[in-house]
PDB file of N, CA and C in Angstrom:
ATOM      1  N   UNK A   1     105.574  79.266  97.243  1.00  0.00           N
ATOM      2  CA  UNK A   1     104.339  79.963  97.572  1.00  0.00           C
ATOM      3  C   UNK A   1     104.012  81.000  96.502  1.00  0.00           C
ATOM      4  N   UNK A   2     104.999  81.828  96.152  1.00  0.00           N
ATOM      5  CA  UNK A   2     104.753  82.852  95.141  1.00  0.00           C
ATOM      6  C   UNK A   2     104.407  82.209  93.809  1.00  0.00           C
ATOM      7  N   UNK A   3     105.107  81.138  93.466  1.00  0.00           N
ATOM      8  CA  UNK A   3     104.843  80.457  92.201  1.00  0.00           C
ATOM      9  C   UNK A   3     103.419  79.929  92.139  1.00  0.00           C
ATOM     10  N   UNK A   4     102.938  79.344  93.240  1.00  0.00           N
ATOM     11  CA  UNK A   4     101.574  78.815  93.223  1.00  0.00           C
ATOM     12  C   UNK A   4     100.555  79.937  93.106  1.00  0.00           C
ATOM     13  N   UNK A   5     100.810  81.080  93.748  1.00  0.00           N
ATOM     14  CA  UNK A   5      99.888  82.213  93.641  1.00  0.00           C
ATOM     15  C   UNK A   5      99.862  82.743  92.219  1.00  0.00           C
ATOM     16  N   UNK A   6     101.029  82.863  91.605  1.00  0.00           N
ATOM     17  CA  UNK A   6     101.095  83.375  90.240  1.00  0.00           C
ATOM     18  C   UNK A   6     100.413  82.413  89.277  1.00  0.00           C
ATOM     19  N   UNK A   7     100.645  81.104  89.440  1.00  0.00           N
ATOM     20  CA  UNK A   7     100.006  80.155  88.528  1.00  0.00           C
ATOM     21  C   UNK A   7      98.501  80.132  88.741  1.00  0.00           C
ATOM     22  N   UNK A   8      98.038  80.204  89.996  1.00  0.00           N
ATOM     23  CA  UNK A   8      96.597  80.270  90.276  1.00  0.00           C
ATOM     24  C   UNK A   8      96.004  81.508  89.638  1.00  0.00           C
ATOM     25  N   UNK A   9      96.659  82.636  89.840  1.00  0.00           N
ATOM     26  CA  UNK A   9      96.154  83.897  89.315  1.00  0.00           C
ATOM     27  C   UNK A   9      96.185  83.901  87.792  1.00  0.00           C
ATOM     28  N   UNK A  10      97.246  83.381  87.205  1.00  0.00           N
ATOM     29  CA  UNK A  10      97.327  83.328  85.746  1.00  0.00           C
ATOM     30  C   UNK A  10      96.175  82.515  85.176  1.00  0.00           C
ATOM     31  N   UNK A  11      95.895  81.377  85.789  1.00  0.00           N
ATOM     32  CA  UNK A  11      94.776  80.541  85.332  1.00  0.00           C
ATOM     33  C   UNK A  11      93.458  81.296  85.471  1.00  0.00           C
ATOM     34  N   UNK A  12      93.239  81.956  86.590  1.00  0.00           N
ATOM     35  CA  UNK A  12      91.993  82.682  86.817  1.00  0.00           C
ATOM     36  C   UNK A  12      91.843  83.844  85.831  1.00  0.00           C
ATOM     37  N   UNK A  13      92.944  84.518  85.527  1.00  0.00           N
ATOM     38  CA  UNK A  13      92.886  85.618  84.564  1.00  0.00           C
ATOM     39  C   UNK A  13      92.495  85.111  83.182  1.00  0.00           C
ATOM     40  N   UNK A  14      93.068  83.992  82.790  1.00  0.00           N
ATOM     41  CA  UNK A  14      92.732  83.428  81.479  1.00  0.00           C
ATOM     42  C   UNK A  14      91.255  83.063  81.430  1.00  0.00           C
ATOM     43  N   UNK A  15      90.766  82.407  82.476  1.00  0.00           N
ATOM     44  CA  UNK A  15      89.356  82.004  82.519  1.00  0.00           C
ATOM     45  C   UNK A  15      88.444  83.225  82.528  1.00  0.00           C
ATOM     46  N   UNK A  16      88.774  84.219  83.349  1.00  0.00           N
ATOM     47  CA  UNK A  16      87.897  85.379  83.517  1.00  0.00           C
ATOM     48  C   UNK A  16      87.844  86.266  82.286  1.00  0.00           C
ATOM     49  N   UNK A  17      88.959  86.417  81.612  1.00  0.00           N
ATOM     50  CA  UNK A  17      89.017  87.402  80.544  1.00  0.00           C
ATOM     51  C   UNK A  17      89.065  86.822  79.132  1.00  0.00           C
ATOM     52  N   UNK A  18      89.169  85.519  78.999  1.00  0.00           N
ATOM     53  CA  UNK A  18      89.344  84.916  77.677  1.00  0.00           C
ATOM     54  C   UNK A  18      88.237  85.297  76.707  1.00  0.00           C
ATOM     55  N   UNK A  19      87.012  85.264  77.148  1.00  0.00           N
ATOM     56  CA  UNK A  19      85.890  85.547  76.250  1.00  0.00           C
ATOM     57  C   UNK A  19      85.642  87.038  76.076  1.00  0.00           C
ATOM     58  N   UNK A  20      86.009  87.836  77.065  1.00  0.00           N
ATOM     59  CA  UNK A  20      85.646  89.249  77.054  1.00  0.00           C
ATOM     60  C   UNK A  20      86.656  90.163  76.365  1.00  0.00           C
ATOM     61  N   UNK A  21      87.912  90.024  76.727  1.00  0.00           N
ATOM     62  CA  UNK A  21      88.890  90.960  76.177  1.00  0.00           C
ATOM     63  C   UNK A  21      90.289  90.366  76.233  1.00  0.00           C
ATOM     64  N   UNK A  22      91.160  90.841  75.366  1.00  0.00           N
ATOM     65  CA  UNK A  22      92.543  90.381  75.422  1.00  0.00           C
ATOM     66  C   UNK A  22      93.250  91.001  76.628  1.00  0.00           C
ATOM     67  N   UNK A  23      94.234  90.300  77.139  1.00  0.00           N
ATOM     68  CA  UNK A  23      95.010  90.816  78.260  1.00  0.00           C
ATOM     69  C   UNK A  23      96.257  91.483  77.695  1.00  0.00           C
ATOM     70  N   UNK A  24      96.402  92.751  77.966  1.00  0.00           N
ATOM     71  CA  UNK A  24      97.571  93.495  77.516  1.00  0.00           C
ATOM     72  C   UNK A  24      98.573  93.547  78.660  1.00  0.00           C
ATOM     73  N   UNK A  25      99.782  93.087  78.412  1.00  0.00           N
ATOM     74  CA  UNK A  25     100.768  93.003  79.477  1.00  0.00           C
ATOM     75  C   UNK A  25     101.108  94.362  80.075  1.00  0.00           C
ATOM     76  N   UNK A  26     101.078  95.415  79.273  1.00  0.00           N
ATOM     77  CA  UNK A  26     101.420  96.727  79.834  1.00  0.00           C
ATOM     78  C   UNK A  26     100.347  97.228  80.803  1.00  0.00           C
ATOM     79  N   UNK A  27      99.130  96.699  80.698  1.00  0.00           N
ATOM     80  CA  UNK A  27      98.050  97.093  81.599  1.00  0.00           C
ATOM     81  C   UNK A  27      97.888  96.135  82.775  1.00  0.00           C
ATOM     82  N   UNK A  28      98.623  95.044  82.782  1.00  0.00           N
ATOM     83  CA  UNK A  28      98.414  93.995  83.767  1.00  0.00           C
ATOM     84  C   UNK A  28      99.110  94.315  85.082  1.00  0.00           C
ATOM     85  N   UNK A  29      98.345  94.306  86.146  1.00  0.00           N
ATOM     86  CA  UNK A  29      98.862  94.485  87.497  1.00  0.00           C
ATOM     87  C   UNK A  29      98.312  93.314  88.303  1.00  0.00           C
ATOM     88  N   UNK A  30      99.172  92.362  88.649  1.00  0.00           N
ATOM     89  CA  UNK A  30      98.709  91.139  89.303  1.00  0.00           C
ATOM     90  C   UNK A  30      97.983  91.414  90.613  1.00  0.00           C
ATOM     91  N   UNK A  31      98.469  92.377  91.368  1.00  0.00           N
ATOM     92  CA  UNK A  31      97.837  92.697  92.653  1.00  0.00           C
ATOM     93  C   UNK A  31      96.406  93.198  92.438  1.00  0.00           C
ATOM     94  N   UNK A  32      96.235  94.117  91.488  1.00  0.00           N
ATOM     95  CA  UNK A  32      94.897  94.646  91.204  1.00  0.00           C
ATOM     96  C   UNK A  32      93.993  93.561  90.627  1.00  0.00           C
ATOM     97  N   UNK A  33      94.566  92.721  89.767  1.00  0.00           N
ATOM     98  CA  UNK A  33      93.778  91.652  89.150  1.00  0.00           C
ATOM     99  C   UNK A  33      93.298  90.658  90.201  1.00  0.00           C
ATOM    100  N   UNK A  34      94.167  90.299  91.136  1.00  0.00           N
ATOM    101  CA  UNK A  34      93.778  89.366  92.191  1.00  0.00           C
ATOM    102  C   UNK A  34      92.676  89.972  93.062  1.00  0.00           C
ATOM    103  N   UNK A  35      92.819  91.240  93.400  1.00  0.00           N
ATOM    104  CA  UNK A  35      91.802  91.925  94.212  1.00  0.00           C
ATOM    105  C   UNK A  35      90.462  91.954  93.474  1.00  0.00           C
ATOM    106  N   UNK A  36      90.507  92.296  92.194  1.00  0.00           N
ATOM    107  CA  UNK A  36      89.290  92.364  91.388  1.00  0.00           C
ATOM    108  C   UNK A  36      88.611  90.998  91.284  1.00  0.00           C
ATOM    109  N   UNK A  37      89.403  89.943  91.065  1.00  0.00           N
ATOM    110  CA  UNK A  37      88.835  88.596  90.983  1.00  0.00           C
ATOM    111  C   UNK A  37      88.160  88.197  92.291  1.00  0.00           C
ATOM    112  N   UNK A  38      88.787  88.513  93.409  1.00  0.00           N
ATOM    113  CA  UNK A  38      88.187  88.189  94.708  1.00  0.00           C
ATOM    114  C   UNK A  38      86.882  88.953  94.897  1.00  0.00           C
ATOM    115  N   UNK A  39      86.878  90.236  94.557  1.00  0.00           N
ATOM    116  CA  UNK A  39      85.665  91.043  94.704  1.00  0.00           C
ATOM    117  C   UNK A  39      84.543  90.525  93.804  1.00  0.00           C
ATOM    118  N   UNK A  40      84.872  90.187  92.571  1.00  0.00           N
ATOM    119  CA  UNK A  40      83.853  89.685  91.646  1.00  0.00           C
ATOM    120  C   UNK A  40      83.293  88.349  92.118  1.00  0.00           C
ATOM    121  N   UNK A  41      84.156  87.479  92.609  1.00  0.00           N
ATOM    122  CA  UNK A  41      83.692  86.181  93.096  1.00  0.00           C
ATOM    123  C   UNK A  41      82.787  86.354  94.313  1.00  0.00           C
ATOM    124  N   UNK A  42      83.130  87.280  95.199  1.00  0.00           N
ATOM    125  CA  UNK A  42      82.287  87.536  96.367  1.00  0.00           C
ATOM    126  C   UNK A  42      80.927  88.073  95.943  1.00  0.00           C
ATOM    127  N   UNK A  43      80.926  88.974  94.984  1.00  0.00           N
ATOM    128  CA  UNK A  43      79.653  89.529  94.506  1.00  0.00           C
ATOM    129  C   UNK A  43      78.796  88.462  93.843  1.00  0.00           C
ATOM    130  N   UNK A  44      79.411  87.650  93.012  1.00  0.00           N
ATOM    131  CA  UNK A  44      78.654  86.604  92.303  1.00  0.00           C
ATOM    132  C   UNK A  44      78.211  85.489  93.241  1.00  0.00           C
ATOM    133  N   UNK A  45      79.113  85.086  94.126  1.00  0.00           N
ATOM    134  CA  UNK A  45      78.813  83.962  95.010  1.00  0.00           C
ATOM    135  C   UNK A  45      77.910  84.332  96.170  1.00  0.00           C
ATOM    136  N   UNK A  46      78.029  85.560  96.647  1.00  0.00           N
ATOM    137  CA  UNK A  46      77.197  85.998  97.756  1.00  0.00           C
ATOM    138  C   UNK A  46      77.695  85.584  99.128  1.00  0.00           C
ATOM    139  N   UNK A  47      78.681  84.707  99.180  1.00  0.00           N
ATOM    140  CA  UNK A  47      79.264  84.295 100.455  1.00  0.00           C
ATOM    141  C   UNK A  47      80.726  83.933 100.219  1.00  0.00           C
ATOM    142  N   UNK A  48      81.478  83.883 101.304  1.00  0.00           N
ATOM    143  CA  UNK A  48      82.897  83.554 101.193  1.00  0.00           C
ATOM    144  C   UNK A  48      83.072  82.122 100.693  1.00  0.00           C
ATOM    145  N   UNK A  49      82.257  81.218 101.184  1.00  0.00           N
ATOM    146  CA  UNK A  49      82.376  79.814 100.771  1.00  0.00           C
ATOM    147  C   UNK A  49      82.097  79.662  99.279  1.00  0.00           C
ATOM    148  N   UNK A  50      81.018  80.267  98.794  1.00  0.00           N
ATOM    149  CA  UNK A  50      80.673  80.171  97.368  1.00  0.00           C
ATOM    150  C   UNK A  50      81.729  80.863  96.511  1.00  0.00           C
ATOM    151  N   UNK A  51      82.218  82.018  96.970  1.00  0.00           N
ATOM    152  CA  UNK A  51      83.246  82.742  96.219  1.00  0.00           C
ATOM    153  C   UNK A  51      84.517  81.907  96.111  1.00  0.00           C
ATOM    154  N   UNK A  52      84.900  81.265  97.200  1.00  0.00           N
ATOM    155  CA  UNK A  52      86.093  80.418  97.180  1.00  0.00           C
ATOM    156  C   UNK A  52      85.909  79.263  96.200  1.00  0.00           C
ATOM    157  N   UNK A  53      84.710  78.685  96.169  1.00  0.00           N
ATOM    158  CA  UNK A  53      84.433  77.607  95.214  1.00  0.00           C
ATOM    159  C   UNK A  53      84.552  78.113  93.780  1.00  0.00           C
ATOM    160  N   UNK A  54      84.033  79.314  93.514  1.00  0.00           N
ATOM    161  CA  UNK A  54      84.136  79.886  92.168  1.00  0.00           C
ATOM    162  C   UNK A  54      85.592  80.075  91.753  1.00  0.00           C
ATOM    163  N   UNK A  55      86.428  80.455  92.712  1.00  0.00           N
ATOM    164  CA  UNK A  55      87.840  80.703  92.425  1.00  0.00           C
ATOM    165  C   UNK A  55      88.677  79.424  92.444  1.00  0.00           C
ATOM    166  N   UNK A  56      88.110  78.347  92.967  1.00  0.00           N
ATOM    167  CA  UNK A  56      88.858  77.094  93.041  1.00  0.00           C
ATOM    168  C   UNK A  56      89.884  77.075  94.154  1.00  0.00           C
ATOM    169  N   UNK A  57      89.616  77.811  95.236  1.00  0.00           N
ATOM    170  CA  UNK A  57      90.519  77.847  96.385  1.00  0.00           C
ATOM    171  C   UNK A  57      89.703  77.577  97.648  1.00  0.00           C
ATOM    172  N   UNK A  58      90.393  77.375  98.761  1.00  0.00           N
ATOM    173  CA  UNK A  58      89.691  77.158 100.027  1.00  0.00           C
ATOM    174  C   UNK A  58      89.199  78.491 100.575  1.00  0.00           C
ATOM    175  N   UNK A  59      88.238  78.418 101.489  1.00  0.00           N
ATOM    176  CA  UNK A  59      87.738  79.655 102.087  1.00  0.00           C
ATOM    177  C   UNK A  59      88.830  80.337 102.910  1.00  0.00           C
ATOM    178  N   UNK A  60      89.733  79.531 103.479  1.00  0.00           N
ATOM    179  CA  UNK A  60      90.835  80.112 104.247  1.00  0.00           C
ATOM    180  C   UNK A  60      91.786  80.890 103.329  1.00  0.00           C
ATOM    181  N   UNK A  61      92.043  80.344 102.153  1.00  0.00           N
ATOM    182  CA  UNK A  61      92.902  81.041 101.186  1.00  0.00           C
ATOM    183  C   UNK A  61      92.245  82.341 100.738  1.00  0.00           C
ATOM    184  N   UNK A  62      90.930  82.304 100.527  1.00  0.00           N
ATOM    185  CA  UNK A  62      90.219  83.524 100.137  1.00  0.00           C
ATOM    186  C   UNK A  62      90.263  84.547 101.261  1.00  0.00           C
ATOM    187  N   UNK A  63      90.073  84.105 102.503  1.00  0.00           N
ATOM    188  CA  UNK A  63      90.133  85.031 103.643  1.00  0.00           C
ATOM    189  C   UNK A  63      91.512  85.690 103.725  1.00  0.00           C
ATOM    190  N   UNK A  64      92.581  84.923 103.487  1.00  0.00           N
ATOM    191  CA  UNK A  64      93.937  85.503 103.505  1.00  0.00           C
ATOM    192  C   UNK A  64      94.079  86.575 102.425  1.00  0.00           C
ATOM    193  N   UNK A  65      93.530  86.300 101.242  1.00  0.00           N
ATOM    194  CA  UNK A  65      93.599  87.287 100.159  1.00  0.00           C
ATOM    195  C   UNK A  65      92.744  88.517 100.483  1.00  0.00           C
ATOM    196  N   UNK A  66      91.612  88.306 101.141  1.00  0.00           N
ATOM    197  CA  UNK A  66      90.765  89.434 101.533  1.00  0.00           C
ATOM    198  C   UNK A  66      91.496  90.331 102.532  1.00  0.00           C
ATOM    199  N   UNK A  67      92.211  89.725 103.468  1.00  0.00           N
ATOM    200  CA  UNK A  67      92.993  90.502 104.439  1.00  0.00           C
ATOM    201  C   UNK A  67      94.119  91.231 103.715  1.00  0.00           C
ATOM    202  N   UNK A  68      94.812  90.523 102.827  1.00  0.00           N
ATOM    203  CA  UNK A  68      95.922  91.102 102.065  1.00  0.00           C
ATOM    204  C   UNK A  68      95.476  92.332 101.272  1.00  0.00           C
ATOM    205  N   UNK A  69      94.302  92.246 100.653  1.00  0.00           N
ATOM    206  CA  UNK A  69      93.808  93.331  99.802  1.00  0.00           C
ATOM    207  C   UNK A  69      92.820  94.256 100.517  1.00  0.00           C
ATOM    208  N   UNK A  70      92.647  94.020 101.818  1.00  0.00           N
ATOM    209  CA  UNK A  70      91.739  94.840 102.637  1.00  0.00           C
ATOM    210  C   UNK A  70      90.331  94.892 102.046  1.00  0.00           C
ATOM    211  N   UNK A  71      89.805  93.724 101.735  1.00  0.00           N
ATOM    212  CA  UNK A  71      88.449  93.609 101.199  1.00  0.00           C
ATOM    213  C   UNK A  71      87.517  93.317 102.360  1.00  0.00           C
ATOM    214  N   UNK A  72      86.570  94.199 102.592  1.00  0.00           N
ATOM    215  CA  UNK A  72      85.580  93.995 103.645  1.00  0.00           C
ATOM    216  C   UNK A  72      84.431  93.175 103.094  1.00  0.00           C
ATOM    217  N   UNK A  73      83.971  92.221 103.888  1.00  0.00           N
ATOM    218  CA  UNK A  73      82.819  91.426 103.479  1.00  0.00           C
ATOM    219  C   UNK A  73      81.995  91.098 104.693  1.00  0.00           C
ATOM    220  N   UNK A  74      80.705  91.217 104.681  1.00  0.00           N
ATOM    221  CA  UNK A  74      79.966  91.758 103.541  1.00  0.00           C
ATOM    222  C   UNK A  74      80.178  93.254 103.452  1.00  0.00           C
ATOM    223  N   UNK A  75      80.116  93.750 102.249  1.00  0.00           N
ATOM    224  CA  UNK A  75      80.266  95.185 102.055  1.00  0.00           C
ATOM    225  C   UNK A  75      79.054  95.871 102.642  1.00  0.00           C
ATOM    226  N   UNK A  76      79.119  97.157 102.798  1.00  0.00           N
ATOM    227  CA  UNK A  76      78.026  97.911 103.413  1.00  0.00           C
ATOM    228  C   UNK A  76      76.711  97.530 102.751  1.00  0.00           C
ATOM    229  N   UNK A  77      76.152  96.465 103.245  1.00  0.00           N
ATOM    230  CA  UNK A  77      74.933  95.918 102.646  1.00  0.00           C
ATOM    231  C   UNK A  77      73.704  96.620 103.194  1.00  0.00           C
ATOM    232  N   UNK A  78      72.623  96.444 102.487  1.00  0.00           N
ATOM    233  CA  UNK A  78      71.346  96.970 102.953  1.00  0.00           C
ATOM    234  C   UNK A  78      70.973  96.239 104.235  1.00  0.00           C
ATOM    235  N   UNK A  79      70.158  96.843 105.061  1.00  0.00           N
ATOM    236  CA  UNK A  79      69.756  96.170 106.299  1.00  0.00           C
ATOM    237  C   UNK A  79      69.119  94.817 105.991  1.00  0.00           C
ATOM    238  N   UNK A  80      69.433  93.854 106.820  1.00  0.00           N
ATOM    239  CA  UNK A  80      68.893  92.513 106.591  1.00  0.00           C
ATOM    240  C   UNK A  80      67.414  92.458 106.948  1.00  0.00           C
ATOM    241  N   UNK A  81      66.784  91.396 106.516  1.00  0.00           N
ATOM    242  CA  UNK A  81      65.354  91.218 106.795  1.00  0.00           C
ATOM    243  C   UNK A  81      65.110  91.167 108.296  1.00  0.00           C
ATOM    244  N   UNK A  82      66.058  90.622 109.019  1.00  0.00           N
ATOM    245  CA  UNK A  82      65.919  90.531 110.471  1.00  0.00           C
ATOM    246  C   UNK A  82      65.840  91.919 111.094  1.00  0.00           C
ATOM    247  N   UNK A  83      66.634  92.853 110.594  1.00  0.00           N
ATOM    248  CA  UNK A  83      66.615  94.207 111.139  1.00  0.00           C
ATOM    249  C   UNK A  83      65.287  94.897 110.867  1.00  0.00           C
ATOM    250  N   UNK A  84      64.640  94.537 109.764  1.00  0.00           N
ATOM    251  CA  UNK A  84      63.348  95.136 109.451  1.00  0.00           C
ATOM    252  C   UNK A  84      62.265  94.663 110.414  1.00  0.00           C
ATOM    253  N   UNK A  85      62.441  93.473 110.964  1.00  0.00           N
ATOM    254  CA  UNK A  85      61.432  92.921 111.855  1.00  0.00           C
ATOM    255  C   UNK A  85      61.516  93.496 113.264  1.00  0.00           C
ATOM    256  N   UNK A  86      62.679  94.017 113.611  1.00  0.00           N
ATOM    257  CA  UNK A  86      62.844  94.569 114.953  1.00  0.00           C
ATOM    258  C   UNK A  86      62.130  95.908 115.017  1.00  0.00           C
ATOM    259  N   UNK A  87      61.241  96.031 115.973  1.00  0.00           N
ATOM    260  CA  UNK A  87      60.506  97.286 116.135  1.00  0.00           C
ATOM    261  C   UNK A  87      60.779  97.852 117.510  1.00  0.00           C
ATOM    262  N   UNK A  88      60.664  99.140 117.603  1.00  0.00           N
ATOM    263  CA  UNK A  88      60.839  99.800 118.884  1.00  0.00           C
ATOM    264  C   UNK A  88      59.508  99.763 119.621  1.00  0.00           C
ATOM    265  N   UNK A  89      59.508  99.256 120.849  1.00  0.00           N
ATOM    266  CA  UNK A  89      58.239  99.210 121.576  1.00  0.00           C
ATOM    267  C   UNK A  89      57.740 100.616 121.888  1.00  0.00           C
ATOM    268  N   UNK A  90      56.447 100.747 121.873  1.00  0.00           N
ATOM    269  CA  UNK A  90      55.846 102.044 122.188  1.00  0.00           C
ATOM    270  C   UNK A  90      55.965 102.276 123.684  1.00  0.00           C
ATOM    271  N   UNK A  91      56.193 103.514 124.088  1.00  0.00           N
ATOM    272  CA  UNK A  91      56.310 103.781 125.524  1.00  0.00           C
ATOM    273  C   UNK A  91      54.985 103.489 126.230  1.00  0.00           C
ATOM    274  N   UNK A  92      55.110 102.960 127.404  1.00  0.00           N
ATOM    275  CA  UNK A  92      53.928 102.631 128.199  1.00  0.00           C
ATOM    276  C   UNK A  92      53.774 103.694 129.277  1.00  0.00           C
ATOM    277  N   UNK A  93      52.561 104.214 129.392  1.00  0.00           N
ATOM    278  CA  UNK A  93      52.297 105.242 130.406  1.00  0.00           C
ATOM    279  C   UNK A  93      52.345 104.608 131.793  1.00  0.00           C
ATOM    280  N   UNK A  94      52.948 105.298 132.742  1.00  0.00           N
ATOM    281  CA  UNK A  94      53.006 104.744 134.098  1.00  0.00           C
ATOM    282  C   UNK A  94      51.599 104.668 134.705  1.00  0.00           C
ATOM    283  N   UNK A  95      51.407 103.707 135.554  1.00  0.00           N
ATOM    284  CA  UNK A  95      50.116 103.532 136.219  1.00  0.00           C
ATOM    285  C   UNK A  95      50.127 104.351 137.508  1.00  0.00           C
ATOM    286  N   UNK A  96      49.155 105.248 137.654  1.00  0.00           N
ATOM    287  CA  UNK A  96      49.041 106.048 138.879  1.00  0.00           C
ATOM    288  C   UNK A  96      48.196 105.278 139.874  1.00  0.00           C
ATOM    289  N   UNK A  97      48.671 105.136 141.067  1.00  0.00           N
ATOM    290  CA  UNK A  97      47.899 104.437 142.104  1.00  0.00           C
ATOM    291  C   UNK A  97      47.667 105.314 143.273  1.00  0.00           C
TER     292      UNK A  97
END
């Protein structure tokens, strides 16, 4: 299990950072790198399913990593369009009879 996680993470690190910057071993923290990759995939993908596809893992595997790293999703997002449509009804005056 640990070996598969390390090999998955190593592959993802190479893909994610190959074009941008060299990986310095003294700065490398696998736990932080895995958390960062999950967060970036969620941001780019917009959903757990899309993020898992970007990472090449199942959505269940991504959910386990999110729990492990305490990643909340969706993050404190702006109110959805549905919430904007909900209006508070105006008070109705009672009918005197």
